Amino acid sequence: MKPLLLAFVLLISLSLSAARQTNRQQDASKTLDPSPDWSQLSGVVPGNPGAGISVLWKDNYEAKYGNIMSPEQTSNAPTLYWTKADPNAFYTVVMYDPDAPSASNPVNRNWLHWLVVNLPGSSLISPVVAGVVQPTGSQVVGYEGPNPPRGTGPHRYIILVFKQKEKSSNPIIFQAERNRYELADYGSLAAGNFFIAQNGL
């Protein structure tokens, strides 16, 4: 292939890749519901999260305020999009299951699945720029995908975003056990989302 033609093909390929990423971010922002129904989370969240945040997994699986997804679809850490984030602020992201081991007998409430602090607001607005993943904060507790025990019915998985008062100089102080996790004072509750999963459908 001639050098000029090869350069042209590469340019078109890069342009299409950038366009797909831009479209994905635009599509994600369109799914944000300014007034999500949080009634399913009564008693298991510290107040009303208010705004919604887009939570997307690979192959375009997405949390949609109580939709049902499988453990397989949500096994890897998702990408978070929130166009209303303050680009100059830092955020904490928490994901937990209040229905452990079951909604009818939640004696292990809550089960912590993910905890990230010092997440820059700019990385929520644009998680990926020109194919490069933005800074993702300090992961205090690594992502653990949903894996509810078989026969325990549907479990709610809640993702909350807190706006920190300032950047934490020592994120390790927020280290927590997964079992019977209790929300700490991360800051003001800013946004959220949730989905439902169960094994043995």
N, C-alpha and C. Protein backbone atom coordinates (compact mmCIF):
# COMPACT_ATOMS: atom_id res chain seq x y z
N MET A 1 0.85 -1.19 0.00
CA MET A 1 0.00 0.00 0.00
C MET A 1 0.89 1.25 0.00
N LYS A 2 0.57 2.21 -0.84
CA LYS A 2 1.37 3.42 -0.94
C LYS A 2 1.31 4.22 0.37
N PRO A 3 2.41 4.90 0.74
CA PRO A 3 2.45 5.65 2.01
C PRO A 3 1.31 6.65 2.16
N LEU A 4 0.99 7.37 1.09
CA LEU A 4 -0.06 8.38 1.17
C LEU A 4 -1.41 7.74 1.44
N LEU A 5 -1.67 6.60 0.75
CA LEU A 5 -2.94 5.91 0.95
C LEU A 5 -3.02 5.32 2.35
N LEU A 6 -1.89 4.77 2.84
CA LEU A 6 -1.85 4.20 4.18
C LEU A 6 -2.14 5.27 5.23
N ALA A 7 -1.55 6.44 5.06
CA ALA A 7 -1.77 7.54 6.00
C ALA A 7 -3.24 7.96 6.01
N PHE A 8 -3.85 7.97 4.81
CA PHE A 8 -5.26 8.35 4.70
C PHE A 8 -6.15 7.34 5.42
N VAL A 9 -5.85 6.04 5.25
CA VAL A 9 -6.63 4.98 5.90
C VAL A 9 -6.52 5.09 7.41
N LEU A 10 -5.29 5.34 7.92
CA LEU A 10 -5.08 5.48 9.36
C LEU A 10 -5.84 6.68 9.91
N LEU A 11 -5.84 7.78 9.15
CA LEU A 11 -6.55 8.99 9.58
C LEU A 11 -8.04 8.73 9.69
N ILE A 12 -8.60 8.04 8.71
CA ILE A 12 -10.04 7.72 8.73
C ILE A 12 -10.36 6.82 9.91
N SER A 13 -9.48 5.82 10.17
CA SER A 13 -9.70 4.89 11.28
C SER A 13 -9.70 5.61 12.61
N LEU A 14 -8.74 6.53 12.81
CA LEU A 14 -8.67 7.29 14.06
C LEU A 14 -9.88 8.20 14.23
N SER A 15 -10.33 8.79 13.13
CA SER A 15 -11.49 9.68 13.18
C SER A 15 -12.75 8.92 13.57
N LEU A 16 -12.91 7.72 12.99
CA LEU A 16 -14.09 6.91 13.31
C LEU A 16 -14.06 6.46 14.76
N SER A 17 -12.86 6.11 15.27
CA SER A 17 -12.74 5.69 16.67
C SER A 17 -13.10 6.83 17.61
N ALA A 18 -12.62 8.02 17.32
CA ALA A 18 -12.94 9.19 18.15
C ALA A 18 -14.42 9.51 18.10
N ALA A 19 -15.02 9.36 16.91
CA ALA A 19 -16.44 9.64 16.75
C ALA A 19 -17.28 8.66 17.55
N ARG A 20 -16.88 7.37 17.54
CA ARG A 20 -17.62 6.38 18.30
C ARG A 20 -17.57 6.68 19.79
N GLN A 21 -16.38 7.09 20.29
CA GLN A 21 -16.24 7.41 21.70
C GLN A 21 -17.08 8.62 22.07
N THR A 22 -17.07 9.64 21.20
CA THR A 22 -17.88 10.84 21.46
C THR A 22 -19.36 10.49 21.49
N ASN A 23 -19.81 9.66 20.54
CA ASN A 23 -21.21 9.27 20.49
C ASN A 23 -21.60 8.49 21.73
N ARG A 24 -20.67 7.63 22.20
CA ARG A 24 -20.97 6.84 23.39
C ARG A 24 -21.16 7.75 24.59
N GLN A 25 -20.28 8.76 24.73
CA GLN A 25 -20.41 9.68 25.84
C GLN A 25 -21.70 10.49 25.73
N GLN A 26 -22.05 10.89 24.51
CA GLN A 26 -23.28 11.65 24.32
C GLN A 26 -24.49 10.79 24.63
N ASP A 27 -24.46 9.52 24.19
CA ASP A 27 -25.57 8.62 24.47
C ASP A 27 -25.69 8.39 25.97
N ALA A 28 -24.54 8.26 26.65
CA ALA A 28 -24.56 8.04 28.09
C ALA A 28 -25.19 9.23 28.81
N SER A 29 -24.83 10.43 28.39
CA SER A 29 -25.37 11.61 29.06
C SER A 29 -26.87 11.75 28.83
N LYS A 30 -27.36 11.25 27.69
CA LYS A 30 -28.79 11.33 27.40
C LYS A 30 -29.60 10.42 28.31
N THR A 31 -28.97 9.33 28.82
CA THR A 31 -29.70 8.39 29.66
C THR A 31 -29.86 8.90 31.08
N LEU A 32 -29.17 9.98 31.45
CA LEU A 32 -29.27 10.49 32.80
C LEU A 32 -30.67 11.01 33.07
N ASP A 33 -31.30 10.44 34.07
CA ASP A 33 -32.65 10.85 34.45
C ASP A 33 -32.54 11.90 35.53
N PRO A 34 -33.02 13.13 35.29
CA PRO A 34 -32.89 14.18 36.29
C PRO A 34 -33.71 13.90 37.55
N SER A 35 -34.72 13.02 37.44
CA SER A 35 -35.57 12.72 38.60
C SER A 35 -35.82 11.21 38.69
N PRO A 36 -34.76 10.43 38.98
CA PRO A 36 -34.94 8.98 39.09
C PRO A 36 -35.88 8.62 40.25
N ASP A 37 -36.49 7.45 40.17
CA ASP A 37 -37.35 6.97 41.23
C ASP A 37 -36.50 6.20 42.24
N TRP A 38 -36.28 6.80 43.41
CA TRP A 38 -35.45 6.18 44.43
C TRP A 38 -36.27 5.42 45.46
N SER A 39 -37.57 5.23 45.22
CA SER A 39 -38.43 4.61 46.23
C SER A 39 -38.00 3.18 46.56
N GLN A 40 -37.38 2.48 45.60
CA GLN A 40 -36.94 1.11 45.85
C GLN A 40 -35.77 1.04 46.82
N LEU A 41 -35.18 2.21 47.13
CA LEU A 41 -34.01 2.25 48.00
C LEU A 41 -34.32 2.84 49.38
N SER A 42 -35.59 2.94 49.69
CA SER A 42 -35.99 3.52 50.98
C SER A 42 -35.37 2.73 52.13
N GLY A 43 -34.67 3.44 53.00
CA GLY A 43 -34.07 2.83 54.18
C GLY A 43 -32.69 2.25 53.97
N VAL A 44 -32.20 2.24 52.73
CA VAL A 44 -30.87 1.66 52.48
C VAL A 44 -29.90 2.64 51.84
N VAL A 45 -30.34 3.90 51.68
CA VAL A 45 -29.44 4.96 51.23
C VAL A 45 -29.56 6.14 52.19
N PRO A 46 -28.48 6.89 52.38
CA PRO A 46 -28.50 8.01 53.33
C PRO A 46 -29.13 9.27 52.73
N GLY A 47 -30.42 9.23 52.50
CA GLY A 47 -31.09 10.37 51.89
C GLY A 47 -31.39 10.11 50.43
N ASN A 48 -31.78 11.17 49.74
CA ASN A 48 -32.13 11.08 48.33
C ASN A 48 -30.93 11.47 47.48
N PRO A 49 -30.43 10.55 46.65
CA PRO A 49 -29.27 10.90 45.82
C PRO A 49 -29.53 12.04 44.85
N GLY A 50 -30.82 12.26 44.53
CA GLY A 50 -31.15 13.36 43.62
C GLY A 50 -30.81 13.03 42.19
N ALA A 51 -29.65 13.46 41.73
CA ALA A 51 -29.27 13.28 40.33
C ALA A 51 -28.89 11.83 40.04
N GLY A 52 -29.01 11.47 38.76
CA GLY A 52 -28.60 10.15 38.31
C GLY A 52 -27.24 10.22 37.63
N ILE A 53 -26.54 9.11 37.67
CA ILE A 53 -25.24 9.01 37.01
C ILE A 53 -25.26 7.79 36.10
N SER A 54 -24.67 7.90 34.93
CA SER A 54 -24.62 6.76 34.01
C SER A 54 -23.52 5.80 34.44
N VAL A 55 -23.89 4.52 34.52
CA VAL A 55 -22.96 3.45 34.90
C VAL A 55 -22.99 2.41 33.79
N LEU A 56 -21.87 2.29 33.07
CA LEU A 56 -21.83 1.43 31.90
C LEU A 56 -20.73 0.37 32.01
N TRP A 57 -21.09 -0.86 31.63
CA TRP A 57 -20.15 -1.95 31.55
C TRP A 57 -19.82 -2.22 30.08
N LYS A 58 -18.87 -3.10 29.83
CA LYS A 58 -18.52 -3.42 28.45
C LYS A 58 -19.73 -4.00 27.72
N ASP A 59 -19.70 -3.91 26.41
CA ASP A 59 -20.81 -4.35 25.55
C ASP A 59 -22.07 -3.53 25.78
N ASN A 60 -21.89 -2.30 26.34
CA ASN A 60 -22.98 -1.33 26.49
C ASN A 60 -24.08 -1.76 27.47
N TYR A 61 -23.76 -2.64 28.41
CA TYR A 61 -24.71 -2.92 29.49
C TYR A 61 -24.70 -1.73 30.44
N GLU A 62 -25.90 -1.35 30.91
CA GLU A 62 -26.01 -0.10 31.68
C GLU A 62 -27.01 -0.24 32.82
N ALA A 63 -26.65 0.32 33.98
CA ALA A 63 -27.58 0.40 35.10
C ALA A 63 -28.63 1.46 34.78
N LYS A 64 -29.91 1.12 35.03
CA LYS A 64 -30.99 2.05 34.71
C LYS A 64 -32.02 2.10 35.83
N TYR A 65 -31.56 2.42 37.03
CA TYR A 65 -32.44 2.66 38.16
C TYR A 65 -33.40 1.50 38.43
N GLY A 66 -32.80 0.33 38.61
CA GLY A 66 -33.61 -0.82 38.99
C GLY A 66 -33.81 -1.86 37.91
N ASN A 67 -33.12 -1.72 36.78
CA ASN A 67 -33.23 -2.75 35.75
C ASN A 67 -32.49 -4.01 36.19
N ILE A 68 -32.81 -5.13 35.56
CA ILE A 68 -32.21 -6.41 35.92
C ILE A 68 -31.04 -6.72 35.00
N MET A 69 -29.90 -7.06 35.60
CA MET A 69 -28.73 -7.47 34.84
C MET A 69 -28.14 -8.72 35.49
N SER A 70 -27.37 -9.46 34.72
CA SER A 70 -26.80 -10.70 35.26
C SER A 70 -25.43 -10.44 35.87
N PRO A 71 -24.98 -11.32 36.76
CA PRO A 71 -23.62 -11.20 37.30
C PRO A 71 -22.56 -11.21 36.22
N GLU A 72 -22.80 -11.98 35.16
CA GLU A 72 -21.83 -12.04 34.07
C GLU A 72 -21.68 -10.70 33.36
N GLN A 73 -22.77 -9.98 33.20
CA GLN A 73 -22.74 -8.69 32.50
C GLN A 73 -22.04 -7.61 33.32
N THR A 74 -21.98 -7.79 34.62
CA THR A 74 -21.44 -6.75 35.51
C THR A 74 -20.22 -7.23 36.28
N SER A 75 -19.50 -8.19 35.71
CA SER A 75 -18.38 -8.81 36.44
C SER A 75 -17.15 -7.90 36.53
N ASN A 76 -17.00 -6.96 35.59
CA ASN A 76 -15.86 -6.05 35.60
C ASN A 76 -16.29 -4.65 36.03
N ALA A 77 -15.35 -3.88 36.53
CA ALA A 77 -15.66 -2.52 36.98
C ALA A 77 -16.25 -1.68 35.84
N PRO A 78 -17.29 -0.92 36.10
CA PRO A 78 -17.93 -0.11 35.07
C PRO A 78 -17.23 1.24 34.86
N THR A 79 -17.67 1.93 33.83
CA THR A 79 -17.25 3.31 33.57
C THR A 79 -18.38 4.23 34.02
N LEU A 80 -18.04 5.30 34.72
CA LEU A 80 -19.03 6.24 35.23
C LEU A 80 -19.00 7.53 34.43
N TYR A 81 -20.19 8.01 34.05
CA TYR A 81 -20.32 9.27 33.33
C TYR A 81 -21.29 10.17 34.10
N TRP A 82 -20.86 11.40 34.35
CA TRP A 82 -21.75 12.37 35.00
C TRP A 82 -21.36 13.77 34.54
N THR A 83 -22.13 14.31 33.64
CA THR A 83 -21.80 15.60 33.02
C THR A 83 -21.95 16.76 34.00
N LYS A 84 -22.67 16.56 35.12
CA LYS A 84 -22.89 17.65 36.07
C LYS A 84 -21.84 17.68 37.18
N ALA A 85 -20.85 16.83 37.11
CA ALA A 85 -19.80 16.83 38.13
C ALA A 85 -19.02 18.13 38.10
N ASP A 86 -18.52 18.53 39.26
CA ASP A 86 -17.67 19.72 39.36
C ASP A 86 -16.25 19.31 38.95
N PRO A 87 -15.73 19.86 37.86
CA PRO A 87 -14.41 19.43 37.39
C PRO A 87 -13.27 19.75 38.37
N ASN A 88 -13.53 20.65 39.30
CA ASN A 88 -12.49 21.05 40.26
C ASN A 88 -12.63 20.34 41.61
N ALA A 89 -13.62 19.46 41.72
CA ALA A 89 -13.87 18.76 42.99
C ALA A 89 -13.39 17.32 42.92
N PHE A 90 -13.39 16.67 44.09
CA PHE A 90 -13.05 15.25 44.18
C PHE A 90 -14.25 14.50 44.74
N TYR A 91 -14.42 13.27 44.29
CA TYR A 91 -15.59 12.48 44.64
C TYR A 91 -15.22 11.10 45.18
N THR A 92 -16.15 10.54 45.95
CA THR A 92 -16.05 9.17 46.42
C THR A 92 -17.16 8.35 45.77
N VAL A 93 -16.82 7.18 45.28
CA VAL A 93 -17.80 6.28 44.67
C VAL A 93 -17.89 5.01 45.52
N VAL A 94 -19.10 4.64 45.86
CA VAL A 94 -19.35 3.45 46.66
C VAL A 94 -20.38 2.57 45.95
N MET A 95 -20.14 1.27 45.92
CA MET A 95 -21.13 0.31 45.42
C MET A 95 -21.32 -0.77 46.47
N TYR A 96 -22.59 -1.03 46.83
CA TYR A 96 -22.84 -2.03 47.87
C TYR A 96 -24.18 -2.73 47.65
N ASP A 97 -24.32 -3.86 48.32
CA ASP A 97 -25.52 -4.70 48.25
C ASP A 97 -26.17 -4.69 49.63
N PRO A 98 -27.37 -4.10 49.76
CA PRO A 98 -28.03 -4.07 51.06
C PRO A 98 -28.83 -5.34 51.36
N ASP A 99 -28.84 -6.28 50.42
CA ASP A 99 -29.69 -7.46 50.54
C ASP A 99 -28.89 -8.74 50.80
N ALA A 100 -27.82 -8.61 51.60
CA ALA A 100 -26.98 -9.77 51.89
C ALA A 100 -27.35 -10.39 53.24
N PRO A 101 -27.54 -11.71 53.29
CA PRO A 101 -27.48 -12.64 52.16
C PRO A 101 -28.75 -12.69 51.32
N SER A 102 -29.84 -12.06 51.81
CA SER A 102 -31.08 -12.01 51.04
C SER A 102 -31.88 -10.80 51.49
N ALA A 103 -32.80 -10.35 50.63
CA ALA A 103 -33.62 -9.19 50.97
C ALA A 103 -34.54 -9.50 52.15
N SER A 104 -34.95 -10.76 52.29
CA SER A 104 -35.85 -11.13 53.37
C SER A 104 -35.13 -11.32 54.70
N ASN A 105 -33.79 -11.49 54.63
CA ASN A 105 -33.00 -11.70 55.85
C ASN A 105 -31.63 -11.04 55.70
N PRO A 106 -31.59 -9.72 55.64
CA PRO A 106 -30.33 -9.00 55.34
C PRO A 106 -29.42 -8.84 56.56
N VAL A 107 -29.06 -9.93 57.19
CA VAL A 107 -28.28 -9.85 58.44
C VAL A 107 -26.84 -9.41 58.19
N ASN A 108 -26.39 -9.47 56.93
CA ASN A 108 -25.03 -9.03 56.61
C ASN A 108 -25.03 -7.69 55.87
N ARG A 109 -26.13 -6.98 55.91
CA ARG A 109 -26.20 -5.65 55.30
C ARG A 109 -25.14 -4.73 55.89
N ASN A 110 -24.37 -4.01 55.08
CA ASN A 110 -24.31 -4.05 53.61
C ASN A 110 -23.08 -4.85 53.19
N TRP A 111 -23.10 -5.37 51.96
CA TRP A 111 -21.91 -6.01 51.41
C TRP A 111 -21.24 -5.02 50.45
N LEU A 112 -20.01 -4.63 50.78
CA LEU A 112 -19.30 -3.62 49.99
C LEU A 112 -18.69 -4.25 48.74
N HIS A 113 -18.97 -3.66 47.60
CA HIS A 113 -18.46 -4.17 46.33
C HIS A 113 -17.39 -3.28 45.69
N TRP A 114 -17.33 -2.01 46.11
CA TRP A 114 -16.39 -1.11 45.45
C TRP A 114 -16.30 0.17 46.26
N LEU A 115 -15.08 0.69 46.43
CA LEU A 115 -14.90 1.96 47.13
C LEU A 115 -13.70 2.70 46.53
N VAL A 116 -13.98 3.86 45.94
CA VAL A 116 -12.95 4.69 45.33
C VAL A 116 -13.07 6.10 45.89
N VAL A 117 -11.96 6.68 46.35
CA VAL A 117 -11.97 8.06 46.85
C VAL A 117 -11.03 8.91 45.99
N ASN A 118 -11.16 10.21 46.16
CA ASN A 118 -10.32 11.18 45.40
C ASN A 118 -10.48 11.04 43.90
N LEU A 119 -11.69 10.75 43.46
CA LEU A 119 -11.96 10.65 42.03
C LEU A 119 -12.16 12.06 41.47
N PRO A 120 -11.31 12.52 40.54
CA PRO A 120 -11.47 13.87 40.00
C PRO A 120 -12.80 14.04 39.25
N GLY A 121 -13.45 15.16 39.49
CA GLY A 121 -14.70 15.42 38.79
C GLY A 121 -14.52 15.41 37.29
N SER A 122 -13.37 15.84 36.82
CA SER A 122 -13.12 15.87 35.38
C SER A 122 -13.17 14.49 34.76
N SER A 123 -12.80 13.45 35.53
CA SER A 123 -12.81 12.10 34.99
C SER A 123 -14.21 11.51 34.98
N LEU A 124 -15.15 12.12 35.72
CA LEU A 124 -16.55 11.72 35.63
C LEU A 124 -17.20 12.36 34.41
N ILE A 125 -16.80 13.59 34.11
CA ILE A 125 -17.35 14.29 32.95
C ILE A 125 -16.87 13.65 31.65
N SER A 126 -15.60 13.32 31.60
CA SER A 126 -14.99 12.70 30.41
C SER A 126 -14.05 11.59 30.85
N PRO A 127 -14.60 10.39 31.11
CA PRO A 127 -13.75 9.29 31.59
C PRO A 127 -12.66 8.89 30.60
N VAL A 128 -12.95 9.05 29.30
CA VAL A 128 -11.99 8.67 28.27
C VAL A 128 -11.83 9.84 27.30
N VAL A 129 -10.59 10.29 27.10
CA VAL A 129 -10.31 11.39 26.18
C VAL A 129 -9.29 10.90 25.15
N ALA A 130 -9.68 10.93 23.88
CA ALA A 130 -8.80 10.50 22.79
C ALA A 130 -8.23 9.10 23.04
N GLY A 131 -9.08 8.22 23.57
CA GLY A 131 -8.67 6.85 23.79
C GLY A 131 -7.87 6.61 25.06
N VAL A 132 -7.65 7.66 25.86
CA VAL A 132 -6.86 7.54 27.08
C VAL A 132 -7.77 7.65 28.30
N VAL A 133 -7.70 6.67 29.21
CA VAL A 133 -8.52 6.68 30.41
C VAL A 133 -8.01 7.75 31.37
N GLN A 134 -8.92 8.57 31.87
CA GLN A 134 -8.58 9.64 32.78
C GLN A 134 -8.25 9.08 34.18
N PRO A 135 -7.63 9.90 35.06
CA PRO A 135 -7.33 9.44 36.42
C PRO A 135 -8.58 8.93 37.12
N THR A 136 -8.45 7.82 37.85
CA THR A 136 -9.62 7.19 38.46
C THR A 136 -9.60 7.21 39.98
N GLY A 137 -8.80 8.08 40.57
CA GLY A 137 -8.80 8.20 42.02
C GLY A 137 -8.05 7.09 42.71
N SER A 138 -8.27 6.98 44.01
CA SER A 138 -7.60 5.96 44.83
C SER A 138 -8.60 4.84 45.15
N GLN A 139 -8.34 3.66 44.64
CA GLN A 139 -9.22 2.52 44.87
C GLN A 139 -8.89 1.92 46.23
N VAL A 140 -9.77 2.14 47.19
CA VAL A 140 -9.54 1.67 48.55
C VAL A 140 -9.96 0.21 48.70
N VAL A 141 -11.10 -0.13 48.09
CA VAL A 141 -11.57 -1.52 48.05
C VAL A 141 -11.87 -1.86 46.60
N GLY A 142 -11.20 -2.87 46.08
CA GLY A 142 -11.32 -3.22 44.67
C GLY A 142 -12.72 -3.67 44.28
N TYR A 143 -13.02 -3.53 42.99
CA TYR A 143 -14.34 -3.89 42.48
C TYR A 143 -14.56 -5.40 42.58
N GLU A 144 -15.69 -5.78 43.12
CA GLU A 144 -16.14 -7.17 43.18
C GLU A 144 -17.52 -7.22 42.55
N GLY A 145 -17.64 -7.94 41.45
CA GLY A 145 -18.92 -8.00 40.75
C GLY A 145 -19.99 -8.72 41.56
N PRO A 146 -21.25 -8.48 41.23
CA PRO A 146 -22.35 -9.15 41.94
C PRO A 146 -22.25 -10.67 41.84
N ASN A 147 -22.47 -11.34 42.95
CA ASN A 147 -22.48 -12.80 42.97
C ASN A 147 -23.37 -13.28 44.11
N PRO A 148 -24.66 -12.92 44.05
CA PRO A 148 -25.56 -13.28 45.16
C PRO A 148 -25.73 -14.80 45.26
N PRO A 149 -25.87 -15.33 46.46
CA PRO A 149 -26.06 -16.77 46.62
C PRO A 149 -27.30 -17.25 45.87
N ARG A 150 -27.19 -18.41 45.27
CA ARG A 150 -28.34 -18.97 44.57
C ARG A 150 -29.49 -19.23 45.53
N GLY A 151 -30.67 -18.94 45.04
CA GLY A 151 -31.85 -19.17 45.85
C GLY A 151 -32.21 -18.05 46.79
N THR A 152 -31.44 -16.95 46.77
CA THR A 152 -31.73 -15.83 47.68
C THR A 152 -32.52 -14.72 47.00
N GLY A 153 -32.92 -14.94 45.75
CA GLY A 153 -33.74 -13.96 45.07
C GLY A 153 -32.96 -12.76 44.57
N PRO A 154 -33.67 -11.72 44.12
CA PRO A 154 -33.01 -10.53 43.58
C PRO A 154 -32.31 -9.71 44.66
N HIS A 155 -31.16 -9.15 44.29
CA HIS A 155 -30.40 -8.26 45.18
C HIS A 155 -30.28 -6.89 44.51
N ARG A 156 -30.37 -5.85 45.29
CA ARG A 156 -30.16 -4.49 44.79
C ARG A 156 -28.69 -4.13 44.91
N TYR A 157 -28.16 -3.52 43.87
CA TYR A 157 -26.77 -3.06 43.88
C TYR A 157 -26.78 -1.55 43.67
N ILE A 158 -26.29 -0.85 44.66
CA ILE A 158 -26.42 0.61 44.71
C ILE A 158 -25.06 1.25 44.47
N ILE A 159 -25.02 2.22 43.56
CA ILE A 159 -23.81 3.00 43.30
C ILE A 159 -24.09 4.44 43.72
N LEU A 160 -23.35 4.93 44.70
CA LEU A 160 -23.53 6.30 45.18
C LEU A 160 -22.27 7.12 44.93
N VAL A 161 -22.47 8.41 44.66
CA VAL A 161 -21.36 9.33 44.44
C VAL A 161 -21.47 10.47 45.45
N PHE A 162 -20.39 10.66 46.22
CA PHE A 162 -20.34 11.72 47.22
C PHE A 162 -19.32 12.78 46.81
N LYS A 163 -19.69 14.03 46.96
CA LYS A 163 -18.76 15.12 46.70
C LYS A 163 -17.96 15.39 47.97
N GLN A 164 -16.66 15.19 47.88
CA GLN A 164 -15.80 15.38 49.04
C GLN A 164 -15.62 16.86 49.37
N LYS A 165 -15.40 17.17 50.62
CA LYS A 165 -15.12 18.55 51.01
C LYS A 165 -13.76 18.98 50.49
N GLU A 166 -12.84 18.02 50.45
CA GLU A 166 -11.50 18.27 49.93
C GLU A 166 -10.87 16.93 49.57
N LYS A 167 -9.73 16.97 48.91
CA LYS A 167 -9.02 15.75 48.57
C LYS A 167 -8.44 15.12 49.83
N SER A 168 -8.66 13.83 49.99
CA SER A 168 -8.13 13.14 51.16
C SER A 168 -6.64 12.88 50.99
N SER A 169 -5.88 13.26 52.00
CA SER A 169 -4.43 13.05 51.95
C SER A 169 -4.04 11.64 52.38
N ASN A 170 -5.01 10.92 52.97
CA ASN A 170 -4.74 9.57 53.45
C ASN A 170 -5.95 8.67 53.19
N PRO A 171 -6.16 8.27 51.93
CA PRO A 171 -7.35 7.48 51.57
C PRO A 171 -7.49 6.18 52.33
N ILE A 172 -6.37 5.64 52.84
CA ILE A 172 -6.43 4.34 53.51
C ILE A 172 -7.29 4.39 54.76
N ILE A 173 -7.55 5.59 55.30
CA ILE A 173 -8.39 5.68 56.51
C ILE A 173 -9.81 5.22 56.23
N PHE A 174 -10.18 5.16 54.95
CA PHE A 174 -11.52 4.71 54.58
C PHE A 174 -11.58 3.21 54.31
N GLN A 175 -10.46 2.51 54.53
CA GLN A 175 -10.43 1.07 54.34
C GLN A 175 -11.56 0.43 55.16
N ALA A 176 -12.28 -0.51 54.53
CA ALA A 176 -13.43 -1.11 55.21
C ALA A 176 -13.54 -2.58 54.85
N GLU A 177 -14.15 -3.34 55.76
CA GLU A 177 -14.47 -4.74 55.47
C GLU A 177 -15.68 -4.78 54.54
N ARG A 178 -15.73 -5.79 53.70
CA ARG A 178 -16.87 -5.90 52.78
C ARG A 178 -18.15 -6.26 53.54
N ASN A 179 -18.03 -7.15 54.51
CA ASN A 179 -19.20 -7.63 55.23
C ASN A 179 -19.68 -6.61 56.25
N ARG A 180 -20.99 -6.34 56.26
CA ARG A 180 -21.62 -5.40 57.19
C ARG A 180 -20.99 -4.02 57.11
N TYR A 181 -20.77 -3.60 55.91
CA TYR A 181 -20.17 -2.28 55.65
C TYR A 181 -21.13 -1.16 56.04
N GLU A 182 -20.59 -0.12 56.65
CA GLU A 182 -21.37 1.07 57.00
C GLU A 182 -20.78 2.28 56.30
N LEU A 183 -21.64 3.08 55.69
CA LEU A 183 -21.20 4.27 54.98
C LEU A 183 -20.51 5.24 55.93
N ALA A 184 -19.36 5.74 55.50
CA ALA A 184 -18.62 6.73 56.29
C ALA A 184 -19.03 8.14 55.86
N ASP A 185 -18.45 9.13 56.49
CA ASP A 185 -18.72 10.52 56.13
C ASP A 185 -17.78 10.91 54.99
N TYR A 186 -18.22 10.61 53.77
CA TYR A 186 -17.39 10.91 52.61
C TYR A 186 -17.60 12.33 52.10
N GLY A 187 -18.71 12.95 52.49
CA GLY A 187 -19.06 14.26 51.98
C GLY A 187 -20.54 14.31 51.69
N SER A 188 -20.94 15.19 50.80
CA SER A 188 -22.37 15.33 50.49
C SER A 188 -22.78 14.38 49.37
N LEU A 189 -23.91 13.70 49.56
CA LEU A 189 -24.43 12.78 48.55
C LEU A 189 -24.83 13.57 47.31
N ALA A 190 -24.25 13.22 46.17
CA ALA A 190 -24.43 14.02 44.97
C ALA A 190 -25.22 13.32 43.86
N ALA A 191 -25.06 12.01 43.72
CA ALA A 191 -25.70 11.30 42.61
C ALA A 191 -25.69 9.81 42.89
N GLY A 192 -26.42 9.06 42.07
CA GLY A 192 -26.45 7.62 42.26
C GLY A 192 -27.14 6.88 41.14
N ASN A 193 -27.14 5.57 41.28
CA ASN A 193 -27.83 4.68 40.35
C ASN A 193 -27.91 3.33 41.04
N PHE A 194 -28.71 2.42 40.48
CA PHE A 194 -28.78 1.08 41.04
C PHE A 194 -29.36 0.12 40.01
N PHE A 195 -29.07 -1.16 40.24
CA PHE A 195 -29.60 -2.21 39.37
C PHE A 195 -29.88 -3.43 40.23
N ILE A 196 -30.49 -4.43 39.62
CA ILE A 196 -30.87 -5.66 40.34
C ILE A 196 -30.23 -6.85 39.64
N ALA A 197 -29.71 -7.78 40.45
CA ALA A 197 -29.13 -9.00 39.89
C ALA A 197 -29.44 -10.17 40.81
N GLN A 198 -29.48 -11.37 40.23
CA GLN A 198 -29.65 -12.56 41.03
C GLN A 198 -29.06 -13.76 40.28
N ASN A 199 -28.67 -14.76 41.02
CA ASN A 199 -28.17 -16.00 40.43
C ASN A 199 -29.29 -17.03 40.34
N GLY A 200 -29.17 -17.92 39.39
CA GLY A 200 -30.14 -18.99 39.27
C GLY A 200 -31.46 -18.54 38.71
N LEU A 201 -31.41 -17.62 37.71
CA LEU A 201 -32.66 -17.15 37.10
C LEU A 201 -33.36 -18.29 36.36
